[in-house]
Amino acid sequence: KMATLRFETNAFAFAAALRALPPRVRVRAHEVMLGEAQDFLRTVRLRTPVLTSRLRNSIHLVAFGAADVYAYTDNRGQTFDGHLADPVKANEIVVGTNVPYALAVESGSSQKAPLGMFAVTEIEKSVDLQQRMGEVVKDLWT
């Protein structure tokens, strides 16, 4: 079984809180979460060091309810199955990879990404997401 590196935070996976919101707020909250997750994905990919492009190309987004059917190629033309091992939970959006050496790169093994890609992006983006979600709830709840 391949290891999977997944980005999950309470900001992206707060199913209980979403269920408590009115339906129109839940829909808008999910839209904001998806937009922020796509921005997170772009940023992580830009930070990912490239040798064969396998790691960068493997990083993808899976939202709850969507099938995780993901194939990608490296810059040598080799094709890989990129699906993540664990299922996505209710109201969760996951950005992840199943490349075996991803954790080593995330832990700083590359001089091109000494702080990794996922954790540093999470730190940057989590405050923005929390602020956006607060705005959604405030705007739509009132």
Protein backbone atom coordinates (compact mmCIF):
# COMPACT_ATOMS: atom_id res chain seq x y z
CA LYS A 1 0.00 0.00 0.00
CA MET A 2 1.37 3.41 -0.96
CA ALA A 3 1.76 6.15 1.58
CA THR A 4 -0.43 9.17 1.02
CA LEU A 5 0.43 12.70 1.95
CA ARG A 6 -2.80 14.58 2.59
CA PHE A 7 -3.56 18.14 3.57
CA GLU A 8 -6.40 18.22 6.05
CA THR A 9 -7.22 20.93 8.55
CA ASN A 10 -10.22 21.82 10.61
CA ALA A 11 -10.74 24.71 8.21
CA PHE A 12 -11.27 22.29 5.33
CA ALA A 13 -12.99 19.49 7.23
CA PHE A 14 -15.54 20.85 9.67
CA ALA A 15 -18.58 18.76 8.83
CA ALA A 16 -20.37 19.26 12.14
CA ALA A 17 -20.18 23.05 11.89
CA LEU A 18 -21.41 23.01 8.29
CA ARG A 19 -24.40 20.85 9.15
CA ALA A 20 -25.49 23.46 11.69
CA LEU A 21 -25.64 26.20 9.06
CA PRO A 22 -28.67 27.01 6.90
CA PRO A 23 -28.54 25.33 3.46
CA ARG A 24 -27.71 28.50 1.48
CA VAL A 25 -24.81 29.24 3.85
CA ARG A 26 -23.56 25.64 3.53
CA VAL A 27 -23.57 25.88 -0.27
CA ARG A 28 -21.67 29.16 -0.27
CA ALA A 29 -19.25 27.88 2.39
CA HIS A 30 -18.50 24.85 0.24
CA GLU A 31 -17.88 27.10 -2.79
CA VAL A 32 -15.45 29.21 -0.77
CA MET A 33 -13.70 26.10 0.58
CA LEU A 34 -13.34 24.70 -2.94
CA GLY A 35 -11.93 27.97 -4.27
CA GLU A 36 -9.46 28.21 -1.41
CA ALA A 37 -8.46 24.55 -1.88
CA GLN A 38 -7.80 25.19 -5.58
CA ASP A 39 -5.60 28.16 -4.64
CA PHE A 40 -3.85 25.96 -2.08
CA LEU A 41 -3.26 23.32 -4.78
CA ARG A 42 -1.73 25.89 -7.16
CA THR A 43 0.57 27.22 -4.45
CA VAL A 44 1.73 23.76 -3.33
CA ARG A 45 2.48 22.79 -6.92
CA LEU A 46 4.51 25.97 -7.47
CA ARG A 47 6.56 25.19 -4.36
CA THR A 48 7.19 21.57 -5.32
CA PRO A 49 10.71 20.92 -6.58
CA VAL A 50 10.94 19.33 -10.01
CA LEU A 51 13.37 16.69 -11.17
CA THR A 52 11.10 14.40 -13.19
CA SER A 53 7.88 16.38 -12.47
CA ARG A 54 6.34 13.25 -10.96
CA LEU A 55 5.73 14.74 -7.53
CA ARG A 56 4.40 18.07 -8.80
CA ASN A 57 2.09 16.41 -11.32
CA SER A 58 0.78 13.92 -8.75
CA ILE A 59 -0.56 16.55 -6.35
CA HIS A 60 -4.27 16.93 -6.89
CA LEU A 61 -7.54 17.89 -5.24
CA VAL A 62 -10.41 15.59 -4.32
CA ALA A 63 -13.65 16.95 -2.90
CA PHE A 64 -16.23 14.89 -1.03
CA GLY A 65 -18.58 13.19 -3.46
CA ALA A 66 -16.12 13.34 -6.35
CA ALA A 67 -14.41 10.25 -7.69
CA ASP A 68 -10.67 10.14 -7.10
CA VAL A 69 -9.68 8.90 -10.52
CA TYR A 70 -6.42 10.64 -11.25
CA ALA A 71 -3.67 9.64 -13.65
CA TYR A 72 -0.65 11.78 -14.43
CA THR A 73 2.62 11.61 -16.33
CA ASP A 74 6.13 12.71 -15.53
CA ASN A 75 8.38 14.60 -17.94
CA ARG A 76 9.68 11.29 -19.30
CA GLY A 77 6.20 10.26 -20.44
CA GLN A 78 5.69 7.57 -17.79
CA THR A 79 2.07 7.37 -16.56
CA PHE A 80 1.09 6.80 -12.93
CA ASP A 81 -2.11 6.12 -10.98
CA GLY A 82 -2.46 9.06 -8.60
CA HIS A 83 -5.54 8.16 -6.60
CA LEU A 84 -5.27 8.66 -2.86
CA ALA A 85 -5.55 5.59 -0.65
CA ASP A 86 -8.00 6.93 1.93
CA PRO A 87 -11.53 8.04 1.04
CA VAL A 88 -12.52 11.67 1.38
CA LYS A 89 -14.80 12.27 4.36
CA ALA A 90 -18.08 14.20 4.34
CA ASN A 91 -17.63 17.93 3.61
CA GLU A 92 -13.88 17.41 3.25
CA ILE A 93 -11.61 18.65 0.50
CA VAL A 94 -8.23 16.97 0.26
CA VAL A 95 -5.13 18.09 -1.58
CA GLY A 96 -2.68 15.23 -1.65
CA THR A 97 -0.30 12.90 -3.40
CA ASN A 98 0.53 9.22 -3.23
CA VAL A 99 4.14 9.52 -4.41
CA PRO A 100 6.27 7.43 -2.02
CA TYR A 101 8.98 10.07 -1.52
CA ALA A 102 6.58 13.01 -0.97
CA LEU A 103 6.93 12.89 2.81
CA ALA A 104 10.73 13.11 2.57
CA VAL A 105 10.45 16.19 0.32
CA GLU A 106 7.82 17.70 2.62
CA SER A 107 10.21 17.09 5.54
CA GLY A 108 12.90 19.21 3.89
CA SER A 109 15.06 16.73 1.97
CA SER A 110 15.15 19.02 -1.07
CA GLN A 111 17.30 22.15 -1.11
CA LYS A 112 14.71 23.67 -3.45
CA ALA A 113 11.95 23.26 -0.82
CA PRO A 114 13.70 23.15 2.57
CA LEU A 115 10.46 24.01 4.38
CA GLY A 116 8.38 21.58 2.33
CA MET A 117 5.35 22.56 0.30
CA PHE A 118 2.18 21.57 2.15
CA ALA A 119 2.84 22.76 5.71
CA VAL A 120 4.19 26.17 4.77
CA THR A 121 1.25 26.72 2.43
CA GLU A 122 -1.19 25.63 5.11
CA ILE A 123 0.23 28.21 7.50
CA GLU A 124 -0.13 30.95 4.88
CA LYS A 125 -3.60 30.01 3.67
CA SER A 126 -5.42 28.91 6.83
CA VAL A 127 -5.90 32.44 8.17
CA ASP A 128 -7.26 33.62 4.81
CA LEU A 129 -9.69 30.71 4.68
CA GLN A 130 -10.94 31.28 8.21
CA GLN A 131 -11.52 34.98 7.44
CA ARG A 132 -13.36 34.16 4.20
CA MET A 133 -15.55 31.60 5.94
CA GLY A 134 -16.38 34.11 8.67
CA GLU A 135 -17.40 36.62 6.00
CA VAL A 136 -19.63 34.04 4.29
CA VAL A 137 -21.40 33.16 7.50
CA LYS A 138 -21.79 36.82 8.48
CA ASP A 139 -23.08 37.89 5.02
CA LEU A 140 -25.48 35.02 4.48
CA TRP A 141 -26.64 34.36 8.02
CA THR A 142 -27.90 37.90 8.57
